[in-house]
């Protein structure tokens, strides 16, 4: 039996709020996505870094109760053997897309199908609301995440070279889309 079969996905409730930050592990930055726009279409190449480094997003300080039993936003947590191993946070965006605010998997469970299950849950949530697809953003130096999104059917739909101006290592914010 694959590890994927032992994973359960639960919507956020008050008892699970304490588990949200447990999925915010360090992740490797081993390369960069270099986008190109030609003939009305985005493409990209990959450039590997000479040296791999690790980073972690800061813990977010949100009112998590705002994601419980809401029609326009949700947070789902993935569990294996009563341990929280992943999460996905989504909102119903103005453009009729399900915008993925965050997706995270604990380091020891990456590659086990957790991220795919979380995206499937987000897709089901979006389709229940008659949304037209899913969207998210990633930084150009997060090659591993970008590769994962492509594997899950996302396409590059746009870039922003100014959004991360305050962050010296990030040149471009990449916008990924999956249409239903």
C-alpha atoms as a PDB file:
ATOM      1  CA  UNK A   1       0.000   0.000   0.000  1.00  0.00           C
ATOM      2  CA  UNK A   2       1.393   3.427  -0.915  1.00  0.00           C
ATOM      3  CA  UNK A   3       1.770   6.122   1.718  1.00  0.00           C
ATOM      4  CA  UNK A   4      -0.836   8.124  -0.221  1.00  0.00           C
ATOM      5  CA  UNK A   5      -3.536   5.638   0.845  1.00  0.00           C
ATOM      6  CA  UNK A   6      -2.830   6.318   4.538  1.00  0.00           C
ATOM      7  CA  UNK A   7      -3.307  10.083   4.274  1.00  0.00           C
ATOM      8  CA  UNK A   8      -6.534  11.785   5.288  1.00  0.00           C
ATOM      9  CA  UNK A   9      -7.450  15.366   4.385  1.00  0.00           C
ATOM     10  CA  UNK A  10      -9.541  17.345   6.870  1.00  0.00           C
ATOM     11  CA  UNK A  11     -11.025  20.842   6.645  1.00  0.00           C
ATOM     12  CA  UNK A  12      -9.788  23.206   9.321  1.00  0.00           C
ATOM     13  CA  UNK A  13     -11.733  23.326  12.568  1.00  0.00           C
ATOM     14  CA  UNK A  14     -10.951  24.961  15.916  1.00  0.00           C
ATOM     15  CA  UNK A  15      -9.282  21.823  17.290  1.00  0.00           C
ATOM     16  CA  UNK A  16      -6.840  21.643  14.339  1.00  0.00           C
ATOM     17  CA  UNK A  17      -5.640  25.274  14.323  1.00  0.00           C
ATOM     18  CA  UNK A  18      -2.572  24.414  16.409  1.00  0.00           C
ATOM     19  CA  UNK A  19      -1.367  22.081  13.611  1.00  0.00           C
ATOM     20  CA  UNK A  20      -1.170  24.748  10.901  1.00  0.00           C
ATOM     21  CA  UNK A  21       2.430  25.849  11.481  1.00  0.00           C
ATOM     22  CA  UNK A  22       3.767  22.299  11.876  1.00  0.00           C
ATOM     23  CA  UNK A  23       3.969  21.958   8.084  1.00  0.00           C
ATOM     24  CA  UNK A  24       6.201  24.999   7.584  1.00  0.00           C
ATOM     25  CA  UNK A  25       9.513  23.178   7.132  1.00  0.00           C
ATOM     26  CA  UNK A  26      12.665  24.299   5.371  1.00  0.00           C
ATOM     27  CA  UNK A  27      12.916  23.547   1.657  1.00  0.00           C
ATOM     28  CA  UNK A  28      15.792  23.501  -0.819  1.00  0.00           C
ATOM     29  CA  UNK A  29      16.456  26.095  -3.459  1.00  0.00           C
ATOM     30  CA  UNK A  30      18.507  24.360  -6.130  1.00  0.00           C
ATOM     31  CA  UNK A  31      17.716  26.350  -9.254  1.00  0.00           C
ATOM     32  CA  UNK A  32      15.792  29.104 -10.958  1.00  0.00           C
ATOM     33  CA  UNK A  33      13.027  29.263 -13.554  1.00  0.00           C
ATOM     34  CA  UNK A  34      13.837  31.745 -16.324  1.00  0.00           C
ATOM     35  CA  UNK A  35      10.616  32.715 -18.145  1.00  0.00           C
ATOM     36  CA  UNK A  36      10.337  33.830 -21.757  1.00  0.00           C
ATOM     37  CA  UNK A  37       7.372  35.283 -23.651  1.00  0.00           C
ATOM     38  CA  UNK A  38       7.290  34.664 -27.403  1.00  0.00           C
ATOM     39  CA  UNK A  39       4.441  34.610 -29.903  1.00  0.00           C
ATOM     40  CA  UNK A  40       1.887  35.145 -27.158  1.00  0.00           C
ATOM     41  CA  UNK A  41       3.027  32.139 -25.098  1.00  0.00           C
ATOM     42  CA  UNK A  42       5.049  31.715 -21.922  1.00  0.00           C
ATOM     43  CA  UNK A  43       7.839  29.187 -21.766  1.00  0.00           C
ATOM     44  CA  UNK A  44      10.825  28.826 -19.483  1.00  0.00           C
ATOM     45  CA  UNK A  45      14.209  27.278 -19.010  1.00  0.00           C
ATOM     46  CA  UNK A  46      15.786  26.026 -15.820  1.00  0.00           C
ATOM     47  CA  UNK A  47      19.133  27.121 -14.436  1.00  0.00           C
ATOM     48  CA  UNK A  48      20.630  25.042 -11.618  1.00  0.00           C
ATOM     49  CA  UNK A  49      22.486  26.798  -8.811  1.00  0.00           C
ATOM     50  CA  UNK A  50      26.121  25.941  -8.115  1.00  0.00           C
ATOM     51  CA  UNK A  51      25.231  25.692  -4.445  1.00  0.00           C
ATOM     52  CA  UNK A  52      21.960  24.453  -2.935  1.00  0.00           C
ATOM     53  CA  UNK A  53      20.577  26.509  -0.065  1.00  0.00           C
ATOM     54  CA  UNK A  54      17.641  26.108   2.278  1.00  0.00           C
ATOM     55  CA  UNK A  55      14.946  28.580   3.205  1.00  0.00           C
ATOM     56  CA  UNK A  56      11.699  28.685   5.120  1.00  0.00           C
ATOM     57  CA  UNK A  57       8.740  31.026   4.913  1.00  0.00           C
ATOM     58  CA  UNK A  58       7.955  33.007   8.062  1.00  0.00           C
ATOM     59  CA  UNK A  59       5.001  31.714  10.076  1.00  0.00           C
ATOM     60  CA  UNK A  60       1.908  33.647   9.083  1.00  0.00           C
ATOM     61  CA  UNK A  61      -0.123  35.404  11.732  1.00  0.00           C
ATOM     62  CA  UNK A  62      -3.648  35.147  10.368  1.00  0.00           C
ATOM     63  CA  UNK A  63      -7.005  34.779  12.056  1.00  0.00           C
ATOM     64  CA  UNK A  64      -7.330  31.095  11.224  1.00  0.00           C
ATOM     65  CA  UNK A  65     -10.953  30.992  12.369  1.00  0.00           C
ATOM     66  CA  UNK A  66     -11.762  32.953   9.197  1.00  0.00           C
ATOM     67  CA  UNK A  67     -11.033  29.751   7.207  1.00  0.00           C
ATOM     68  CA  UNK A  68     -13.521  27.563   9.074  1.00  0.00           C
ATOM     69  CA  UNK A  69     -16.878  26.763   7.407  1.00  0.00           C
ATOM     70  CA  UNK A  70     -16.602  29.587   4.858  1.00  0.00           C
ATOM     71  CA  UNK A  71     -17.885  29.500   1.277  1.00  0.00           C
ATOM     72  CA  UNK A  72     -15.162  31.775  -0.123  1.00  0.00           C
ATOM     73  CA  UNK A  73     -12.067  30.344   1.593  1.00  0.00           C
ATOM     74  CA  UNK A  74     -10.823  27.147   3.179  1.00  0.00           C
ATOM     75  CA  UNK A  75      -7.816  25.490   4.732  1.00  0.00           C
ATOM     76  CA  UNK A  76      -7.299  21.730   4.500  1.00  0.00           C
ATOM     77  CA  UNK A  77      -4.800  19.740   6.549  1.00  0.00           C
ATOM     78  CA  UNK A  78      -3.294  16.379   5.602  1.00  0.00           C
ATOM     79  CA  UNK A  79      -2.734  13.790   8.321  1.00  0.00           C
ATOM     80  CA  UNK A  80      -0.925  10.489   8.511  1.00  0.00           C
ATOM     81  CA  UNK A  81      -1.114   8.510  11.756  1.00  0.00           C
ATOM     82  CA  UNK A  82      -2.567  11.542  13.569  1.00  0.00           C
ATOM     83  CA  UNK A  83       0.404  13.712  12.509  1.00  0.00           C
ATOM     84  CA  UNK A  84      -0.197  16.809  10.414  1.00  0.00           C
ATOM     85  CA  UNK A  85       2.028  16.474   7.352  1.00  0.00           C
ATOM     86  CA  UNK A  86       0.649  19.061   4.923  1.00  0.00           C
ATOM     87  CA  UNK A  87      -1.758  21.886   4.256  1.00  0.00           C
ATOM     88  CA  UNK A  88      -3.363  23.877   1.494  1.00  0.00           C
ATOM     89  CA  UNK A  89      -5.072  27.247   1.917  1.00  0.00           C
ATOM     90  CA  UNK A  90      -7.429  28.492  -0.809  1.00  0.00           C
ATOM     91  CA  UNK A  91      -9.708  31.419  -1.552  1.00  0.00           C
ATOM     92  CA  UNK A  92     -12.353  32.084  -4.163  1.00  0.00           C
ATOM     93  CA  UNK A  93     -10.666  34.836  -6.182  1.00  0.00           C
ATOM     94  CA  UNK A  94     -12.345  37.710  -8.055  1.00  0.00           C
ATOM     95  CA  UNK A  95     -11.434  36.179 -11.441  1.00  0.00           C
ATOM     96  CA  UNK A  96     -13.346  32.930 -10.797  1.00  0.00           C
ATOM     97  CA  UNK A  97     -10.167  31.034  -9.993  1.00  0.00           C
ATOM     98  CA  UNK A  98      -9.405  29.158  -6.819  1.00  0.00           C
ATOM     99  CA  UNK A  99      -6.295  30.999  -5.633  1.00  0.00           C
ATOM    100  CA  UNK A 100      -3.935  28.822  -3.630  1.00  0.00           C
ATOM    101  CA  UNK A 101      -2.554  31.076  -0.916  1.00  0.00           C
ATOM    102  CA  UNK A 102      -0.269  28.386   0.466  1.00  0.00           C
ATOM    103  CA  UNK A 103       0.581  24.730   0.017  1.00  0.00           C
ATOM    104  CA  UNK A 104       3.128  23.024   2.238  1.00  0.00           C
ATOM    105  CA  UNK A 105       4.279  19.492   2.996  1.00  0.00           C
ATOM    106  CA  UNK A 106       6.546  18.474   5.852  1.00  0.00           C
ATOM    107  CA  UNK A 107      10.037  17.718   4.571  1.00  0.00           C
ATOM    108  CA  UNK A 108       9.974  14.003   5.458  1.00  0.00           C
ATOM    109  CA  UNK A 109       6.764  13.467   3.454  1.00  0.00           C
ATOM    110  CA  UNK A 110       7.641  15.272   0.219  1.00  0.00           C
ATOM    111  CA  UNK A 111       7.342  12.974  -2.779  1.00  0.00           C
ATOM    112  CA  UNK A 112       4.808  10.733  -1.011  1.00  0.00           C
ATOM    113  CA  UNK A 113       1.700  12.104  -2.751  1.00  0.00           C
ATOM    114  CA  UNK A 114       0.632  14.573  -0.040  1.00  0.00           C
ATOM    115  CA  UNK A 115       0.875  17.636  -2.290  1.00  0.00           C
ATOM    116  CA  UNK A 116      -1.082  15.914  -5.055  1.00  0.00           C
ATOM    117  CA  UNK A 117      -3.852  14.949  -2.610  1.00  0.00           C
ATOM    118  CA  UNK A 118      -4.007  18.507  -1.289  1.00  0.00           C
ATOM    119  CA  UNK A 119      -4.258  19.917  -4.826  1.00  0.00           C
ATOM    120  CA  UNK A 120      -6.994  17.381  -5.607  1.00  0.00           C
ATOM    121  CA  UNK A 121      -8.886  18.594  -2.532  1.00  0.00           C
ATOM    122  CA  UNK A 122      -8.492  22.223  -3.651  1.00  0.00           C
ATOM    123  CA  UNK A 123      -9.691  21.310  -7.139  1.00  0.00           C
ATOM    124  CA  UNK A 124     -12.786  19.563  -5.757  1.00  0.00           C
ATOM    125  CA  UNK A 125     -13.487  22.606  -3.544  1.00  0.00           C
ATOM    126  CA  UNK A 126     -13.137  24.916  -6.561  1.00  0.00           C
ATOM    127  CA  UNK A 127     -15.360  22.809  -8.814  1.00  0.00           C
ATOM    128  CA  UNK A 128     -18.077  22.741  -6.117  1.00  0.00           C
ATOM    129  CA  UNK A 129     -18.067  26.548  -6.430  1.00  0.00           C
ATOM    130  CA  UNK A 130     -18.141  26.510 -10.251  1.00  0.00           C
ATOM    131  CA  UNK A 131     -14.727  28.136 -10.511  1.00  0.00           C
ATOM    132  CA  UNK A 132     -12.852  27.898 -13.816  1.00  0.00           C
ATOM    133  CA  UNK A 133      -9.467  26.792 -12.524  1.00  0.00           C
ATOM    134  CA  UNK A 134      -6.761  27.190  -9.913  1.00  0.00           C
ATOM    135  CA  UNK A 135      -3.959  29.720  -9.697  1.00  0.00           C
ATOM    136  CA  UNK A 136      -0.964  30.349  -7.482  1.00  0.00           C
ATOM    137  CA  UNK A 137       2.290  32.198  -7.446  1.00  0.00           C
ATOM    138  CA  UNK A 138       5.812  30.986  -6.848  1.00  0.00           C
ATOM    139  CA  UNK A 139       9.176  32.659  -6.780  1.00  0.00           C
ATOM    140  CA  UNK A 140      11.552  31.990  -9.649  1.00  0.00           C
ATOM    141  CA  UNK A 141      14.195  30.542  -7.307  1.00  0.00           C
ATOM    142  CA  UNK A 142      11.845  27.793  -6.064  1.00  0.00           C
ATOM    143  CA  UNK A 143      12.521  25.351  -8.888  1.00  0.00           C
ATOM    144  CA  UNK A 144      11.303  22.312  -6.957  1.00  0.00           C
ATOM    145  CA  UNK A 145       7.873  23.849  -6.364  1.00  0.00           C
ATOM    146  CA  UNK A 146       7.593  24.981  -9.987  1.00  0.00           C
ATOM    147  CA  UNK A 147       8.443  21.488 -11.227  1.00  0.00           C
ATOM    148  CA  UNK A 148       5.755  20.087  -8.914  1.00  0.00           C
ATOM    149  CA  UNK A 149       3.114  22.506 -10.243  1.00  0.00           C
ATOM    150  CA  UNK A 150       3.924  21.606 -13.854  1.00  0.00           C
ATOM    151  CA  UNK A 151       3.688  17.892 -12.997  1.00  0.00           C
ATOM    152  CA  UNK A 152       0.212  18.586 -11.574  1.00  0.00           C
ATOM    153  CA  UNK A 153      -0.990  20.237 -14.802  1.00  0.00           C
ATOM    154  CA  UNK A 154      -0.279  23.918 -14.126  1.00  0.00           C
ATOM    155  CA  UNK A 155       1.015  26.177 -16.884  1.00  0.00           C
ATOM    156  CA  UNK A 156       2.968  29.409 -16.610  1.00  0.00           C
ATOM    157  CA  UNK A 157       0.571  32.267 -17.264  1.00  0.00           C
ATOM    158  CA  UNK A 158       2.511  35.388 -16.340  1.00  0.00           C
ATOM    159  CA  UNK A 159       5.348  36.978 -14.423  1.00  0.00           C
ATOM    160  CA  UNK A 160       6.003  40.032 -12.272  1.00  0.00           C
ATOM    161  CA  UNK A 161       9.533  41.422 -12.040  1.00  0.00           C
ATOM    162  CA  UNK A 162       8.726  44.081  -9.417  1.00  0.00           C
ATOM    163  CA  UNK A 163       6.696  42.260  -6.743  1.00  0.00           C
ATOM    164  CA  UNK A 164       9.755  40.889  -4.929  1.00  0.00           C
ATOM    165  CA  UNK A 165      11.935  43.995  -5.314  1.00  0.00           C
ATOM    166  CA  UNK A 166      12.641  43.958  -1.570  1.00  0.00           C
ATOM    167  CA  UNK A 167      13.992  40.372  -1.788  1.00  0.00           C
ATOM    168  CA  UNK A 168      17.460  40.328  -3.386  1.00  0.00           C
ATOM    169  CA  UNK A 169      17.535  36.609  -4.344  1.00  0.00           C
ATOM    170  CA  UNK A 170      14.183  36.643  -6.134  1.00  0.00           C
ATOM    171  CA  UNK A 171      14.119  38.159  -9.596  1.00  0.00           C
ATOM    172  CA  UNK A 172      10.626  37.183 -10.713  1.00  0.00           C
ATOM    173  CA  UNK A 173       7.278  36.106  -9.302  1.00  0.00           C
ATOM    174  CA  UNK A 174       5.736  33.408 -11.489  1.00  0.00           C
ATOM    175  CA  UNK A 175       1.967  32.964 -11.896  1.00  0.00           C
ATOM    176  CA  UNK A 176       0.829  29.387 -12.507  1.00  0.00           C
ATOM    177  CA  UNK A 177      -2.662  28.345 -13.686  1.00  0.00           C
ATOM    178  CA  UNK A 178      -4.599  25.145 -14.090  1.00  0.00           C
ATOM    179  CA  UNK A 179      -7.790  25.444 -16.119  1.00  0.00           C
ATOM    180  CA  UNK A 180     -10.656  22.995 -15.638  1.00  0.00           C
END
